[in-house]
Protein backbone atom coordinates (compact mmCIF):
# COMPACT_ATOMS: atom_id res chain seq x y z
CA UNK A 1 20.31 34.38 -16.69
CA UNK A 2 23.54 35.98 -18.62
CA UNK A 3 24.16 37.74 -15.89
CA UNK A 4 24.22 34.95 -13.30
CA UNK A 5 26.72 32.87 -14.86
CA UNK A 6 29.58 35.98 -15.99
CA UNK A 7 29.12 36.88 -12.66
CA UNK A 8 29.52 33.20 -11.02
CA UNK A 9 33.14 32.22 -10.08
CA UNK A 10 32.70 29.01 -12.79
CA UNK A 11 35.35 30.25 -15.07
CA UNK A 12 35.26 27.56 -17.56
CA UNK A 13 32.84 27.92 -20.86
CA UNK A 14 31.83 24.27 -21.10
CA UNK A 15 30.43 24.41 -17.36
CA UNK A 16 28.50 27.70 -18.06
CA UNK A 17 27.30 26.11 -21.31
CA UNK A 18 26.39 23.17 -19.06
CA UNK A 19 24.33 25.09 -16.52
CA UNK A 20 22.57 27.27 -19.06
CA UNK A 21 21.53 24.13 -21.01
CA UNK A 22 20.17 22.61 -17.62
CA UNK A 23 18.14 25.88 -16.63
CA UNK A 24 16.81 26.14 -20.49
CA UNK A 25 15.76 22.14 -20.44
CA UNK A 26 14.40 22.75 -17.04
CA UNK A 27 11.95 25.40 -17.93
CA UNK A 28 10.94 23.75 -20.98
CA UNK A 29 10.55 20.41 -19.29
CA UNK A 30 7.93 22.24 -16.85
CA UNK A 31 5.95 23.51 -20.02
CA UNK A 32 5.93 20.50 -21.69
CA UNK A 33 4.75 18.48 -18.28
CA UNK A 34 2.36 21.21 -17.63
CA UNK A 35 0.84 21.00 -21.27
CA UNK A 36 0.85 17.08 -21.35
CA UNK A 37 -0.70 16.87 -18.07
CA UNK A 38 -3.71 19.36 -18.86
CA UNK A 39 -4.32 17.49 -22.33
CA UNK A 40 -3.86 14.17 -20.75
CA UNK A 41 -6.00 14.57 -17.54
CA UNK A 42 -7.70 17.36 -18.74
CA UNK A 43 -9.46 14.41 -21.16
CA UNK A 44 -8.58 16.34 -24.18
CA UNK A 45 -6.14 14.34 -26.07
CA UNK A 46 -4.69 10.89 -26.01
CA UNK A 47 -1.00 10.57 -23.89
CA UNK A 48 0.61 10.17 -27.45
CA UNK A 49 -1.14 13.30 -28.99
CA UNK A 50 -0.75 15.15 -26.33
CA UNK A 51 2.75 14.25 -25.92
CA UNK A 52 3.98 15.30 -28.83
CA UNK A 53 1.86 18.78 -29.16
CA UNK A 54 3.46 19.18 -25.21
CA UNK A 55 6.78 18.25 -26.50
CA UNK A 56 6.66 20.51 -29.70
CA UNK A 57 5.78 23.44 -27.52
CA UNK A 58 9.13 22.57 -25.50
CA UNK A 59 11.51 22.88 -28.94
CA UNK A 60 10.22 26.07 -29.85
CA UNK A 61 10.81 27.54 -26.26
CA UNK A 62 14.23 25.81 -26.57
CA UNK A 63 15.29 26.44 -29.55
CA UNK A 64 14.63 30.42 -28.44
CA UNK A 65 16.12 30.13 -24.95
CA UNK A 66 19.00 28.12 -26.36
CA UNK A 67 20.41 30.51 -29.08
CA UNK A 68 20.11 33.29 -26.61
CA UNK A 69 21.61 32.01 -23.46
CA UNK A 70 23.49 28.82 -24.29
CA UNK A 71 25.17 28.94 -27.41
CA UNK A 72 25.15 32.70 -27.88
CA UNK A 73 27.50 33.42 -30.31
CA UNK A 74 27.52 30.07 -32.13
CA UNK A 75 25.35 28.82 -34.72
CA UNK A 76 24.91 28.62 -38.64
CA UNK A 77 24.95 31.41 -41.28
CA UNK A 78 21.43 30.56 -42.44
CA UNK A 79 19.21 30.37 -39.31
CA UNK A 80 16.50 28.22 -41.54
CA UNK A 81 19.93 25.31 -41.60
CA UNK A 82 20.24 25.93 -38.19
CA UNK A 83 16.59 25.74 -36.96
CA UNK A 84 16.22 22.52 -39.39
CA UNK A 85 19.19 20.66 -37.80
CA UNK A 86 17.55 21.82 -34.33
CA UNK A 87 14.16 19.94 -35.08
CA UNK A 88 15.69 17.03 -36.24
CA UNK A 89 17.67 16.63 -33.69
CA UNK A 90 14.41 16.94 -31.44
CA UNK A 91 12.86 14.76 -33.09
CA UNK A 92 14.48 11.80 -32.20
CA UNK A 93 14.24 12.78 -28.53
CA UNK A 94 10.52 13.48 -29.14
CA UNK A 95 10.73 9.56 -30.75
CA UNK A 96 12.32 8.37 -28.07
CA UNK A 97 9.77 10.44 -25.70
CA UNK A 98 6.56 9.36 -27.33
CA UNK A 99 7.99 5.12 -26.98
CA UNK A 100 8.23 5.83 -23.55
CA UNK A 101 4.85 7.15 -22.98
CA UNK A 102 3.69 4.01 -24.83
CA UNK A 103 5.53 1.65 -22.83
CA UNK A 104 4.03 3.30 -19.81
CA UNK A 105 0.89 2.61 -21.60
CA UNK A 106 1.61 -0.90 -22.36
CA UNK A 107 2.42 -1.26 -18.43
CA UNK A 108 0.18 0.83 -16.13
CA UNK A 109 -2.32 2.42 -18.28
CA UNK A 110 -2.71 5.74 -18.43
CA UNK A 111 -1.74 6.26 -14.71
CA UNK A 112 -0.62 9.45 -13.89
CA UNK A 113 2.37 8.42 -11.98
CA UNK A 114 3.31 6.02 -14.78
CA UNK A 115 3.32 8.50 -17.80
CA UNK A 116 4.96 11.13 -15.96
CA UNK A 117 7.83 8.87 -14.85
CA UNK A 118 7.70 7.40 -18.67
CA UNK A 119 8.35 10.94 -20.00
CA UNK A 120 11.16 12.13 -17.04
CA UNK A 121 12.94 9.00 -18.20
CA UNK A 122 12.58 9.70 -21.82
CA UNK A 123 13.68 13.55 -21.60
CA UNK A 124 16.77 12.43 -19.35
CA UNK A 125 18.20 9.89 -21.84
CA UNK A 126 18.20 12.46 -24.56
CA UNK A 127 19.33 15.09 -22.23
CA UNK A 128 23.49 15.04 -22.81
CA UNK A 129 22.70 13.65 -26.38
CA UNK A 130 21.53 16.72 -27.59
CA UNK A 131 23.46 18.87 -25.64
CA UNK A 132 26.87 17.45 -27.58
CA UNK A 133 24.61 17.34 -30.93
CA UNK A 134 23.13 21.13 -30.55
CA UNK A 135 26.83 22.02 -29.38
CA UNK A 136 28.29 20.24 -32.44
CA UNK A 137 25.91 20.89 -35.13
CA UNK A 138 23.61 23.43 -34.44
CA UNK A 139 25.19 26.06 -32.93
CA UNK A 140 29.14 25.34 -33.91
CA UNK A 141 31.83 27.96 -32.69
CA UNK A 142 34.44 26.93 -35.10
CA UNK A 143 33.95 28.88 -37.76
CA UNK A 144 36.43 29.78 -40.15
CA UNK A 145 37.97 32.90 -39.58
CA UNK A 146 39.17 33.70 -43.47
CA UNK A 147 36.48 32.84 -45.87
CA UNK A 148 37.55 29.56 -48.27
CA UNK A 149 38.34 30.30 -51.59
CA UNK A 150 41.43 31.61 -53.44
CA UNK A 151 43.77 33.64 -51.89
CA UNK A 152 43.40 37.39 -52.68
CA UNK A 153 46.38 38.78 -54.99
CA UNK A 154 48.58 41.00 -53.28
């Protein structure tokens, strides 16, 4: 993926990041939807529990892929801090996604189209928020070049 973006005619770093983020989002959404549909329509779990599990699997894949492809070179000094922020942002997205699934259940019961449409709409709403939040708080590129503190004696 990185090689394709580097060879492309896309010069802007921000545009390359958006393209990479979109590719990662598509891959993790396919994983999320596949697992969700298997769990719900295989009569294994309720839609909200299945959504929580499938969305959670997407969170882990998204962290790994975004760290390596979308925001390579950025991040926090402590990986635990970085991952913690990533999870908190994704939990907000999960809350919105679960709310959309619950709304679909109330309106259309457990109709496959309604459940999948609700997940898709919930995901689309969170996409821009997550890109901006990840770029700003999880994988910041603006680290100071010189450690803060008293200047060394010359």
